[in-house]
Amino acid sequence: CSLCGGVLMPDVVFFGGALKPEVRDAAQRRVEEAGRLLVIGSSCQVFSAFRLVQAAQRAGKPLAMVNIGPTRADPLIPE
């Protein structure tokens, strides 16, 4: 920042970074409230994303995934 000399950072999580607890908890609540889960464009290599697929699968919710390549969550998605 030209005013304070601090480093400007976007509000994103880079690979290997951790989600803010409030973001993680909000995502978990949304999965719990949802009737189904559609995952688009994620390999689910990051555990925070994979955890949401696991939660939906354990709750018996319908799951679908759209991704170019294989994903960590493929075994959880029905054919």
PDB file of N, CA and C in Angstrom:
ATOM      1  N   CYS A   1       0.843  -1.169   0.000  1.00  0.00           N
ATOM      2  CA  CYS A   1       0.000   0.000   0.000  1.00  0.00           C
ATOM      3  C   CYS A   1       0.892   1.237   0.000  1.00  0.00           C
ATOM      4  N   SER A   2       0.592   2.169  -0.899  1.00  0.00           N
ATOM      5  CA  SER A   2       1.409   3.383  -0.969  1.00  0.00           C
ATOM      6  C   SER A   2       1.180   4.299   0.231  1.00  0.00           C
ATOM      7  N   LEU A   3       0.077   4.100   0.953  1.00  0.00           N
ATOM      8  CA  LEU A   3      -0.196   4.943   2.120  1.00  0.00           C
ATOM      9  C   LEU A   3       0.485   4.443   3.387  1.00  0.00           C
ATOM     10  N   CYS A   4       0.419   3.119   3.611  1.00  0.00           N
ATOM     11  CA  CYS A   4       0.945   2.593   4.881  1.00  0.00           C
ATOM     12  C   CYS A   4       2.173   1.700   4.707  1.00  0.00           C
ATOM     13  N   GLY A   5       2.484   1.324   3.464  1.00  0.00           N
ATOM     14  CA  GLY A   5       3.633   0.455   3.236  1.00  0.00           C
ATOM     15  C   GLY A   5       3.345  -1.011   3.441  1.00  0.00           C
ATOM     16  N   GLY A   6       2.088  -1.345   3.766  1.00  0.00           N
ATOM     17  CA  GLY A   6       1.710  -2.740   3.966  1.00  0.00           C
ATOM     18  C   GLY A   6       1.570  -3.483   2.648  1.00  0.00           C
ATOM     19  N   VAL A   7       1.507  -4.796   2.736  1.00  0.00           N
ATOM     20  CA  VAL A   7       1.360  -5.647   1.560  1.00  0.00           C
ATOM     21  C   VAL A   7      -0.124  -5.825   1.278  1.00  0.00           C
ATOM     22  N   LEU A   8      -0.529  -5.542   0.049  1.00  0.00           N
ATOM     23  CA  LEU A   8      -1.919  -5.749  -0.351  1.00  0.00           C
ATOM     24  C   LEU A   8      -2.116  -7.207  -0.743  1.00  0.00           C
ATOM     25  N   MET A   9      -3.116  -7.840  -0.185  1.00  0.00           N
ATOM     26  CA  MET A   9      -3.403  -9.245  -0.477  1.00  0.00           C
ATOM     27  C   MET A   9      -4.865  -9.380  -0.894  1.00  0.00           C
ATOM     28  N   PRO A  10      -5.120 -10.148  -1.941  1.00  0.00           N
ATOM     29  CA  PRO A  10      -6.524 -10.390  -2.308  1.00  0.00           C
ATOM     30  C   PRO A  10      -7.179 -11.280  -1.256  1.00  0.00           C
ATOM     31  N   ASP A  11      -8.489 -11.253  -1.186  1.00  0.00           N
ATOM     32  CA  ASP A  11      -9.219 -12.076  -0.213  1.00  0.00           C
ATOM     33  C   ASP A  11      -9.502 -13.443  -0.831  1.00  0.00           C
ATOM     34  N   VAL A  12      -8.437 -14.169  -1.095  1.00  0.00           N
ATOM     35  CA  VAL A  12      -8.524 -15.519  -1.655  1.00  0.00           C
ATOM     36  C   VAL A  12      -7.621 -16.428  -0.830  1.00  0.00           C
ATOM     37  N   VAL A  13      -7.799 -17.718  -1.005  1.00  0.00           N
ATOM     38  CA  VAL A  13      -6.929 -18.679  -0.342  1.00  0.00           C
ATOM     39  C   VAL A  13      -6.092 -19.354  -1.415  1.00  0.00           C
ATOM     40  N   PHE A  14      -4.790 -19.211  -1.312  1.00  0.00           N
ATOM     41  CA  PHE A  14      -3.909 -19.854  -2.261  1.00  0.00           C
ATOM     42  C   PHE A  14      -3.698 -21.306  -1.867  1.00  0.00           C
ATOM     43  N   PHE A  15      -3.264 -22.124  -2.835  1.00  0.00           N
ATOM     44  CA  PHE A  15      -3.033 -23.539  -2.563  1.00  0.00           C
ATOM     45  C   PHE A  15      -2.085 -23.675  -1.377  1.00  0.00           C
ATOM     46  N   GLY A  16      -2.484 -24.474  -0.419  1.00  0.00           N
ATOM     47  CA  GLY A  16      -1.687 -24.674   0.785  1.00  0.00           C
ATOM     48  C   GLY A  16      -2.058 -23.731   1.910  1.00  0.00           C
ATOM     49  N   GLY A  17      -2.866 -22.710   1.606  1.00  0.00           N
ATOM     50  CA  GLY A  17      -3.292 -21.767   2.634  1.00  0.00           C
ATOM     51  C   GLY A  17      -4.488 -22.299   3.406  1.00  0.00           C
ATOM     52  N   ALA A  18      -4.822 -21.635   4.469  1.00  0.00           N
ATOM     53  CA  ALA A  18      -5.945 -22.066   5.303  1.00  0.00           C
ATOM     54  C   ALA A  18      -7.128 -21.115   5.122  1.00  0.00           C
ATOM     55  N   LEU A  19      -8.321 -21.690   5.123  1.00  0.00           N
ATOM     56  CA  LEU A  19      -9.530 -20.875   5.102  1.00  0.00           C
ATOM     57  C   LEU A  19      -9.697 -20.185   6.450  1.00  0.00           C
ATOM     58  N   LYS A  20     -10.294 -19.011   6.422  1.00  0.00           N
ATOM     59  CA  LYS A  20     -10.663 -18.365   7.670  1.00  0.00           C
ATOM     60  C   LYS A  20     -11.728 -19.236   8.336  1.00  0.00           C
ATOM     61  N   PRO A  21     -11.687 -19.393   9.650  1.00  0.00           N
ATOM     62  CA  PRO A  21     -12.667 -20.251  10.321  1.00  0.00           C
ATOM     63  C   PRO A  21     -14.114 -19.897   9.999  1.00  0.00           C
ATOM     64  N   GLU A  22     -14.428 -18.608   9.891  1.00  0.00           N
ATOM     65  CA  GLU A  22     -15.818 -18.237   9.596  1.00  0.00           C
ATOM     66  C   GLU A  22     -16.229 -18.639   8.186  1.00  0.00           C
ATOM     67  N   VAL A  23     -15.292 -18.645   7.247  1.00  0.00           N
ATOM     68  CA  VAL A  23     -15.591 -19.091   5.877  1.00  0.00           C
ATOM     69  C   VAL A  23     -15.786 -20.603   5.864  1.00  0.00           C
ATOM     70  N   ARG A  24     -14.898 -21.318   6.523  1.00  0.00           N
ATOM     71  CA  ARG A  24     -14.987 -22.782   6.614  1.00  0.00           C
ATOM     72  C   ARG A  24     -16.315 -23.206   7.247  1.00  0.00           C
ATOM     73  N   ASP A  25     -16.683 -22.560   8.342  1.00  0.00           N
ATOM     74  CA  ASP A  25     -17.914 -22.914   9.044  1.00  0.00           C
ATOM     75  C   ASP A  25     -19.152 -22.583   8.217  1.00  0.00           C
ATOM     76  N   ALA A  26     -19.123 -21.457   7.492  1.00  0.00           N
ATOM     77  CA  ALA A  26     -20.260 -21.084   6.646  1.00  0.00           C
ATOM     78  C   ALA A  26     -20.436 -22.084   5.512  1.00  0.00           C
ATOM     79  N   ALA A  27     -19.333 -22.540   4.914  1.00  0.00           N
ATOM     80  CA  ALA A  27     -19.416 -23.537   3.843  1.00  0.00           C
ATOM     81  C   ALA A  27     -19.992 -24.843   4.377  1.00  0.00           C
ATOM     82  N   GLN A  28     -19.559 -25.254   5.551  1.00  0.00           N
ATOM     83  CA  GLN A  28     -20.068 -26.486   6.156  1.00  0.00           C
ATOM     84  C   GLN A  28     -21.571 -26.381   6.428  1.00  0.00           C
ATOM     85  N   ARG A  29     -22.003 -25.237   6.939  1.00  0.00           N
ATOM     86  CA  ARG A  29     -23.440 -25.036   7.185  1.00  0.00           C
ATOM     87  C   ARG A  29     -24.237 -25.096   5.891  1.00  0.00           C
ATOM     88  N   ARG A  30     -23.711 -24.524   4.845  1.00  0.00           N
ATOM     89  CA  ARG A  30     -24.427 -24.534   3.562  1.00  0.00           C
ATOM     90  C   ARG A  30     -24.569 -25.949   3.018  1.00  0.00           C
ATOM     91  N   VAL A  31     -23.543 -26.752   3.188  1.00  0.00           N
ATOM     92  CA  VAL A  31     -23.645 -28.156   2.759  1.00  0.00           C
ATOM     93  C   VAL A  31     -24.690 -28.878   3.600  1.00  0.00           C
ATOM     94  N   GLU A  32     -24.700 -28.635   4.896  1.00  0.00           N
ATOM     95  CA  GLU A  32     -25.690 -29.275   5.775  1.00  0.00           C
ATOM     96  C   GLU A  32     -27.112 -28.876   5.387  1.00  0.00           C
ATOM     97  N   GLU A  33     -27.308 -27.628   4.960  1.00  0.00           N
ATOM     98  CA  GLU A  33     -28.637 -27.136   4.599  1.00  0.00           C
ATOM     99  C   GLU A  33     -29.059 -27.531   3.188  1.00  0.00           C
ATOM    100  N   ALA A  34     -28.108 -27.880   2.345  1.00  0.00           N
ATOM    101  CA  ALA A  34     -28.388 -28.163   0.934  1.00  0.00           C
ATOM    102  C   ALA A  34     -29.060 -29.523   0.753  1.00  0.00           C
ATOM    103  N   GLY A  35     -29.804 -29.637  -0.310  1.00  0.00           N
ATOM    104  CA  GLY A  35     -30.418 -30.911  -0.651  1.00  0.00           C
ATOM    105  C   GLY A  35     -29.510 -31.782  -1.488  1.00  0.00           C
ATOM    106  N   ARG A  36     -28.488 -31.178  -2.101  1.00  0.00           N
ATOM    107  CA  ARG A  36     -27.540 -31.892  -2.960  1.00  0.00           C
ATOM    108  C   ARG A  36     -26.284 -31.045  -3.097  1.00  0.00           C
ATOM    109  N   LEU A  37     -25.212 -31.634  -3.663  1.00  0.00           N
ATOM    110  CA  LEU A  37     -23.972 -30.896  -3.830  1.00  0.00           C
ATOM    111  C   LEU A  37     -23.451 -31.093  -5.243  1.00  0.00           C
ATOM    112  N   LEU A  38     -23.173 -29.990  -5.924  1.00  0.00           N
ATOM    113  CA  LEU A  38     -22.559 -29.988  -7.247  1.00  0.00           C
ATOM    114  C   LEU A  38     -21.215 -29.303  -7.119  1.00  0.00           C
ATOM    115  N   VAL A  39     -20.147 -30.019  -7.470  1.00  0.00           N
ATOM    116  CA  VAL A  39     -18.791 -29.488  -7.405  1.00  0.00           C
ATOM    117  C   VAL A  39     -18.335 -29.241  -8.840  1.00  0.00           C
ATOM    118  N   ILE A  40     -17.900 -28.010  -9.117  1.00  0.00           N
ATOM    119  CA  ILE A  40     -17.480 -27.648 -10.469  1.00  0.00           C
ATOM    120  C   ILE A  40     -16.042 -27.143 -10.439  1.00  0.00           C
ATOM    121  N   GLY A  41     -15.184 -27.781 -11.228  1.00  0.00           N
ATOM    122  CA  GLY A  41     -13.826 -27.288 -11.418  1.00  0.00           C
ATOM    123  C   GLY A  41     -12.915 -27.382 -10.221  1.00  0.00           C
ATOM    124  N   SER A  42     -13.043 -28.422  -9.424  1.00  0.00           N
ATOM    125  CA  SER A  42     -12.152 -28.602  -8.279  1.00  0.00           C
ATOM    126  C   SER A  42     -11.615 -30.024  -8.269  1.00  0.00           C
ATOM    127  N   SER A  43     -10.323 -30.154  -8.043  1.00  0.00           N
ATOM    128  CA  SER A  43      -9.732 -31.487  -7.911  1.00  0.00           C
ATOM    129  C   SER A  43      -9.925 -32.027  -6.502  1.00  0.00           C
ATOM    130  N   CYS A  44     -10.393 -31.180  -5.591  1.00  0.00           N
ATOM    131  CA  CYS A  44     -10.583 -31.527  -4.172  1.00  0.00           C
ATOM    132  C   CYS A  44      -9.290 -31.982  -3.517  1.00  0.00           C
ATOM    133  N   GLN A  45      -8.154 -31.542  -4.042  1.00  0.00           N
ATOM    134  CA  GLN A  45      -6.873 -31.876  -3.425  1.00  0.00           C
ATOM    135  C   GLN A  45      -6.709 -31.155  -2.085  1.00  0.00           C
ATOM    136  N   VAL A  46      -7.300 -29.990  -1.974  1.00  0.00           N
ATOM    137  CA  VAL A  46      -7.259 -29.252  -0.710  1.00  0.00           C
ATOM    138  C   VAL A  46      -8.321 -29.848   0.206  1.00  0.00           C
ATOM    139  N   PHE A  47      -7.930 -30.160   1.441  1.00  0.00           N
ATOM    140  CA  PHE A  47      -8.841 -30.876   2.330  1.00  0.00           C
ATOM    141  C   PHE A  47     -10.112 -30.096   2.631  1.00  0.00           C
ATOM    142  N   SER A  48     -10.030 -28.759   2.652  1.00  0.00           N
ATOM    143  CA  SER A  48     -11.227 -27.983   2.967  1.00  0.00           C
ATOM    144  C   SER A  48     -12.328 -28.218   1.937  1.00  0.00           C
ATOM    145  N   ALA A  49     -11.971 -28.411   0.672  1.00  0.00           N
ATOM    146  CA  ALA A  49     -12.975 -28.721  -0.362  1.00  0.00           C
ATOM    147  C   ALA A  49     -13.404 -30.182  -0.260  1.00  0.00           C
ATOM    148  N   PHE A  50     -12.448 -31.066  -0.082  1.00  0.00           N
ATOM    149  CA  PHE A  50     -12.746 -32.498   0.014  1.00  0.00           C
ATOM    150  C   PHE A  50     -13.665 -32.787   1.200  1.00  0.00           C
ATOM    151  N   ARG A  51     -13.443 -32.090   2.300  1.00  0.00           N
ATOM    152  CA  ARG A  51     -14.250 -32.270   3.511  1.00  0.00           C
ATOM    153  C   ARG A  51     -15.734 -32.014   3.236  1.00  0.00           C
ATOM    154  N   LEU A  52     -16.041 -31.031   2.386  1.00  0.00           N
ATOM    155  CA  LEU A  52     -17.434 -30.721   2.068  1.00  0.00           C
ATOM    156  C   LEU A  52     -18.081 -31.859   1.288  1.00  0.00           C
ATOM    157  N   VAL A  53     -17.338 -32.447   0.363  1.00  0.00           N
ATOM    158  CA  VAL A  53     -17.859 -33.594  -0.394  1.00  0.00           C
ATOM    159  C   VAL A  53     -18.073 -34.768   0.553  1.00  0.00           C
ATOM    160  N   GLN A  54     -17.134 -35.007   1.445  1.00  0.00           N
ATOM    161  CA  GLN A  54     -17.287 -36.082   2.432  1.00  0.00           C
ATOM    162  C   GLN A  54     -18.542 -35.878   3.275  1.00  0.00           C
ATOM    163  N   ALA A  55     -18.773 -34.656   3.727  1.00  0.00           N
ATOM    164  CA  ALA A  55     -19.930 -34.366   4.578  1.00  0.00           C
ATOM    165  C   ALA A  55     -21.232 -34.640   3.826  1.00  0.00           C
ATOM    166  N   ALA A  56     -21.297 -34.221   2.578  1.00  0.00           N
ATOM    167  CA  ALA A  56     -22.504 -34.456   1.784  1.00  0.00           C
ATOM    168  C   ALA A  56     -22.715 -35.944   1.548  1.00  0.00           C
ATOM    169  N   GLN A  57     -21.638 -36.652   1.273  1.00  0.00           N
ATOM    170  CA  GLN A  57     -21.731 -38.101   1.028  1.00  0.00           C
ATOM    171  C   GLN A  57     -22.187 -38.831   2.289  1.00  0.00           C
ATOM    172  N   ARG A  58     -21.627 -38.483   3.441  1.00  0.00           N
ATOM    173  CA  ARG A  58     -22.024 -39.121   4.707  1.00  0.00           C
ATOM    174  C   ARG A  58     -23.487 -38.852   5.034  1.00  0.00           C
ATOM    175  N   ALA A  59     -23.980 -37.674   4.634  1.00  0.00           N
ATOM    176  CA  ALA A  59     -25.377 -37.314   4.903  1.00  0.00           C
ATOM    177  C   ALA A  59     -26.336 -37.917   3.868  1.00  0.00           C
ATOM    178  N   GLY A  60     -25.795 -38.653   2.900  1.00  0.00           N
ATOM    179  CA  GLY A  60     -26.646 -39.292   1.902  1.00  0.00           C
ATOM    180  C   GLY A  60     -27.209 -38.340   0.860  1.00  0.00           C
ATOM    181  N   LYS A  61     -26.570 -37.201   0.684  1.00  0.00           N
ATOM    182  CA  LYS A  61     -27.054 -36.219  -0.293  1.00  0.00           C
ATOM    183  C   LYS A  61     -26.583 -36.606  -1.695  1.00  0.00           C
ATOM    184  N   PRO A  62     -27.390 -36.346  -2.707  1.00  0.00           N
ATOM    185  CA  PRO A  62     -26.935 -36.584  -4.082  1.00  0.00           C
ATOM    186  C   PRO A  62     -25.714 -35.719  -4.386  1.00  0.00           C
ATOM    187  N   LEU A  63     -24.738 -36.307  -5.066  1.00  0.00           N
ATOM    188  CA  LEU A  63     -23.489 -35.626  -5.405  1.00  0.00           C
ATOM    189  C   LEU A  63     -23.244 -35.698  -6.903  1.00  0.00           C
ATOM    190  N   ALA A  64     -22.707 -34.625  -7.462  1.00  0.00           N
ATOM    191  CA  ALA A  64     -22.258 -34.617  -8.854  1.00  0.00           C
ATOM    192  C   ALA A  64     -21.013 -33.761  -8.940  1.00  0.00           C
ATOM    193  N   MET A  65     -20.125 -34.122  -9.873  1.00  0.00           N
ATOM    194  CA  MET A  65     -18.877 -33.383 -10.027  1.00  0.00           C
ATOM    195  C   MET A  65     -18.610 -33.175 -11.508  1.00  0.00           C
ATOM    196  N   VAL A  66     -18.204 -31.942 -11.850  1.00  0.00           N
ATOM    197  CA  VAL A  66     -17.816 -31.596 -13.214  1.00  0.00           C
ATOM    198  C   VAL A  66     -16.383 -31.099 -13.145  1.00  0.00           C
ATOM    199  N   ASN A  67     -15.474 -31.848 -13.766  1.00  0.00           N
ATOM    200  CA  ASN A  67     -14.063 -31.486 -13.741  1.00  0.00           C
ATOM    201  C   ASN A  67     -13.388 -32.111 -14.952  1.00  0.00           C
ATOM    202  N   ILE A  68     -12.345 -31.486 -15.456  1.00  0.00           N
ATOM    203  CA  ILE A  68     -11.654 -32.000 -16.639  1.00  0.00           C
ATOM    204  C   ILE A  68     -10.927 -33.301 -16.337  1.00  0.00           C
ATOM    205  N   GLY A  69     -10.282 -33.393 -15.205  1.00  0.00           N
ATOM    206  CA  GLY A  69      -9.482 -34.569 -14.879  1.00  0.00           C
ATOM    207  C   GLY A  69      -9.995 -35.280 -13.649  1.00  0.00           C
ATOM    208  N   PRO A  70      -9.263 -36.295 -13.225  1.00  0.00           N
ATOM    209  CA  PRO A  70      -9.648 -37.042 -12.025  1.00  0.00           C
ATOM    210  C   PRO A  70      -9.536 -36.163 -10.783  1.00  0.00           C
ATOM    211  N   THR A  71     -10.302 -36.530  -9.767  1.00  0.00           N
ATOM    212  CA  THR A  71     -10.291 -35.770  -8.520  1.00  0.00           C
ATOM    213  C   THR A  71     -10.128 -36.702  -7.339  1.00  0.00           C
ATOM    214  N   ARG A  72      -9.736 -36.139  -6.243  1.00  0.00           N
ATOM    215  CA  ARG A  72      -9.606 -36.882  -4.993  1.00  0.00           C
ATOM    216  C   ARG A  72     -10.946 -37.439  -4.518  1.00  0.00           C
ATOM    217  N   ALA A  73     -12.027 -36.767  -4.901  1.00  0.00           N
ATOM    218  CA  ALA A  73     -13.365 -37.148  -4.440  1.00  0.00           C
ATOM    219  C   ALA A  73     -14.067 -38.140  -5.357  1.00  0.00           C
ATOM    220  N   ASP A  74     -13.457 -38.518  -6.464  1.00  0.00           N
ATOM    221  CA  ASP A  74     -14.127 -39.417  -7.412  1.00  0.00           C
ATOM    222  C   ASP A  74     -14.704 -40.679  -6.769  1.00  0.00           C
ATOM    223  N   PRO A  75     -14.004 -41.317  -5.822  1.00  0.00           N
ATOM    224  CA  PRO A  75     -14.583 -42.513  -5.210  1.00  0.00           C
ATOM    225  C   PRO A  75     -15.873 -42.254  -4.435  1.00  0.00           C
ATOM    226  N   LEU A  76     -16.138 -41.005  -4.068  1.00  0.00           N
ATOM    227  CA  LEU A  76     -17.343 -40.675  -3.309  1.00  0.00           C
ATOM    228  C   LEU A  76     -18.536 -40.355  -4.214  1.00  0.00           C
ATOM    229  N   ILE A  77     -18.286 -40.144  -5.501  1.00  0.00           N
ATOM    230  CA  ILE A  77     -19.327 -39.752  -6.440  1.00  0.00           C
ATOM    231  C   ILE A  77     -19.885 -41.003  -7.111  1.00  0.00           C
ATOM    232  N   PRO A  78     -21.219 -41.198  -7.034  1.00  0.00           N
ATOM    233  CA  PRO A  78     -21.805 -42.371  -7.698  1.00  0.00           C
ATOM    234  C   PRO A  78     -21.693 -42.261  -9.219  1.00  0.00           C
ATOM    235  N   GLU A  79     -21.605 -43.400  -9.867  1.00  0.00           N
ATOM    236  CA  GLU A  79     -21.514 -43.430 -11.344  1.00  0.00           C
ATOM    237  C   GLU A  79     -22.772 -42.911 -11.975  1.00  0.00           C
TER     238      GLU A  79
END
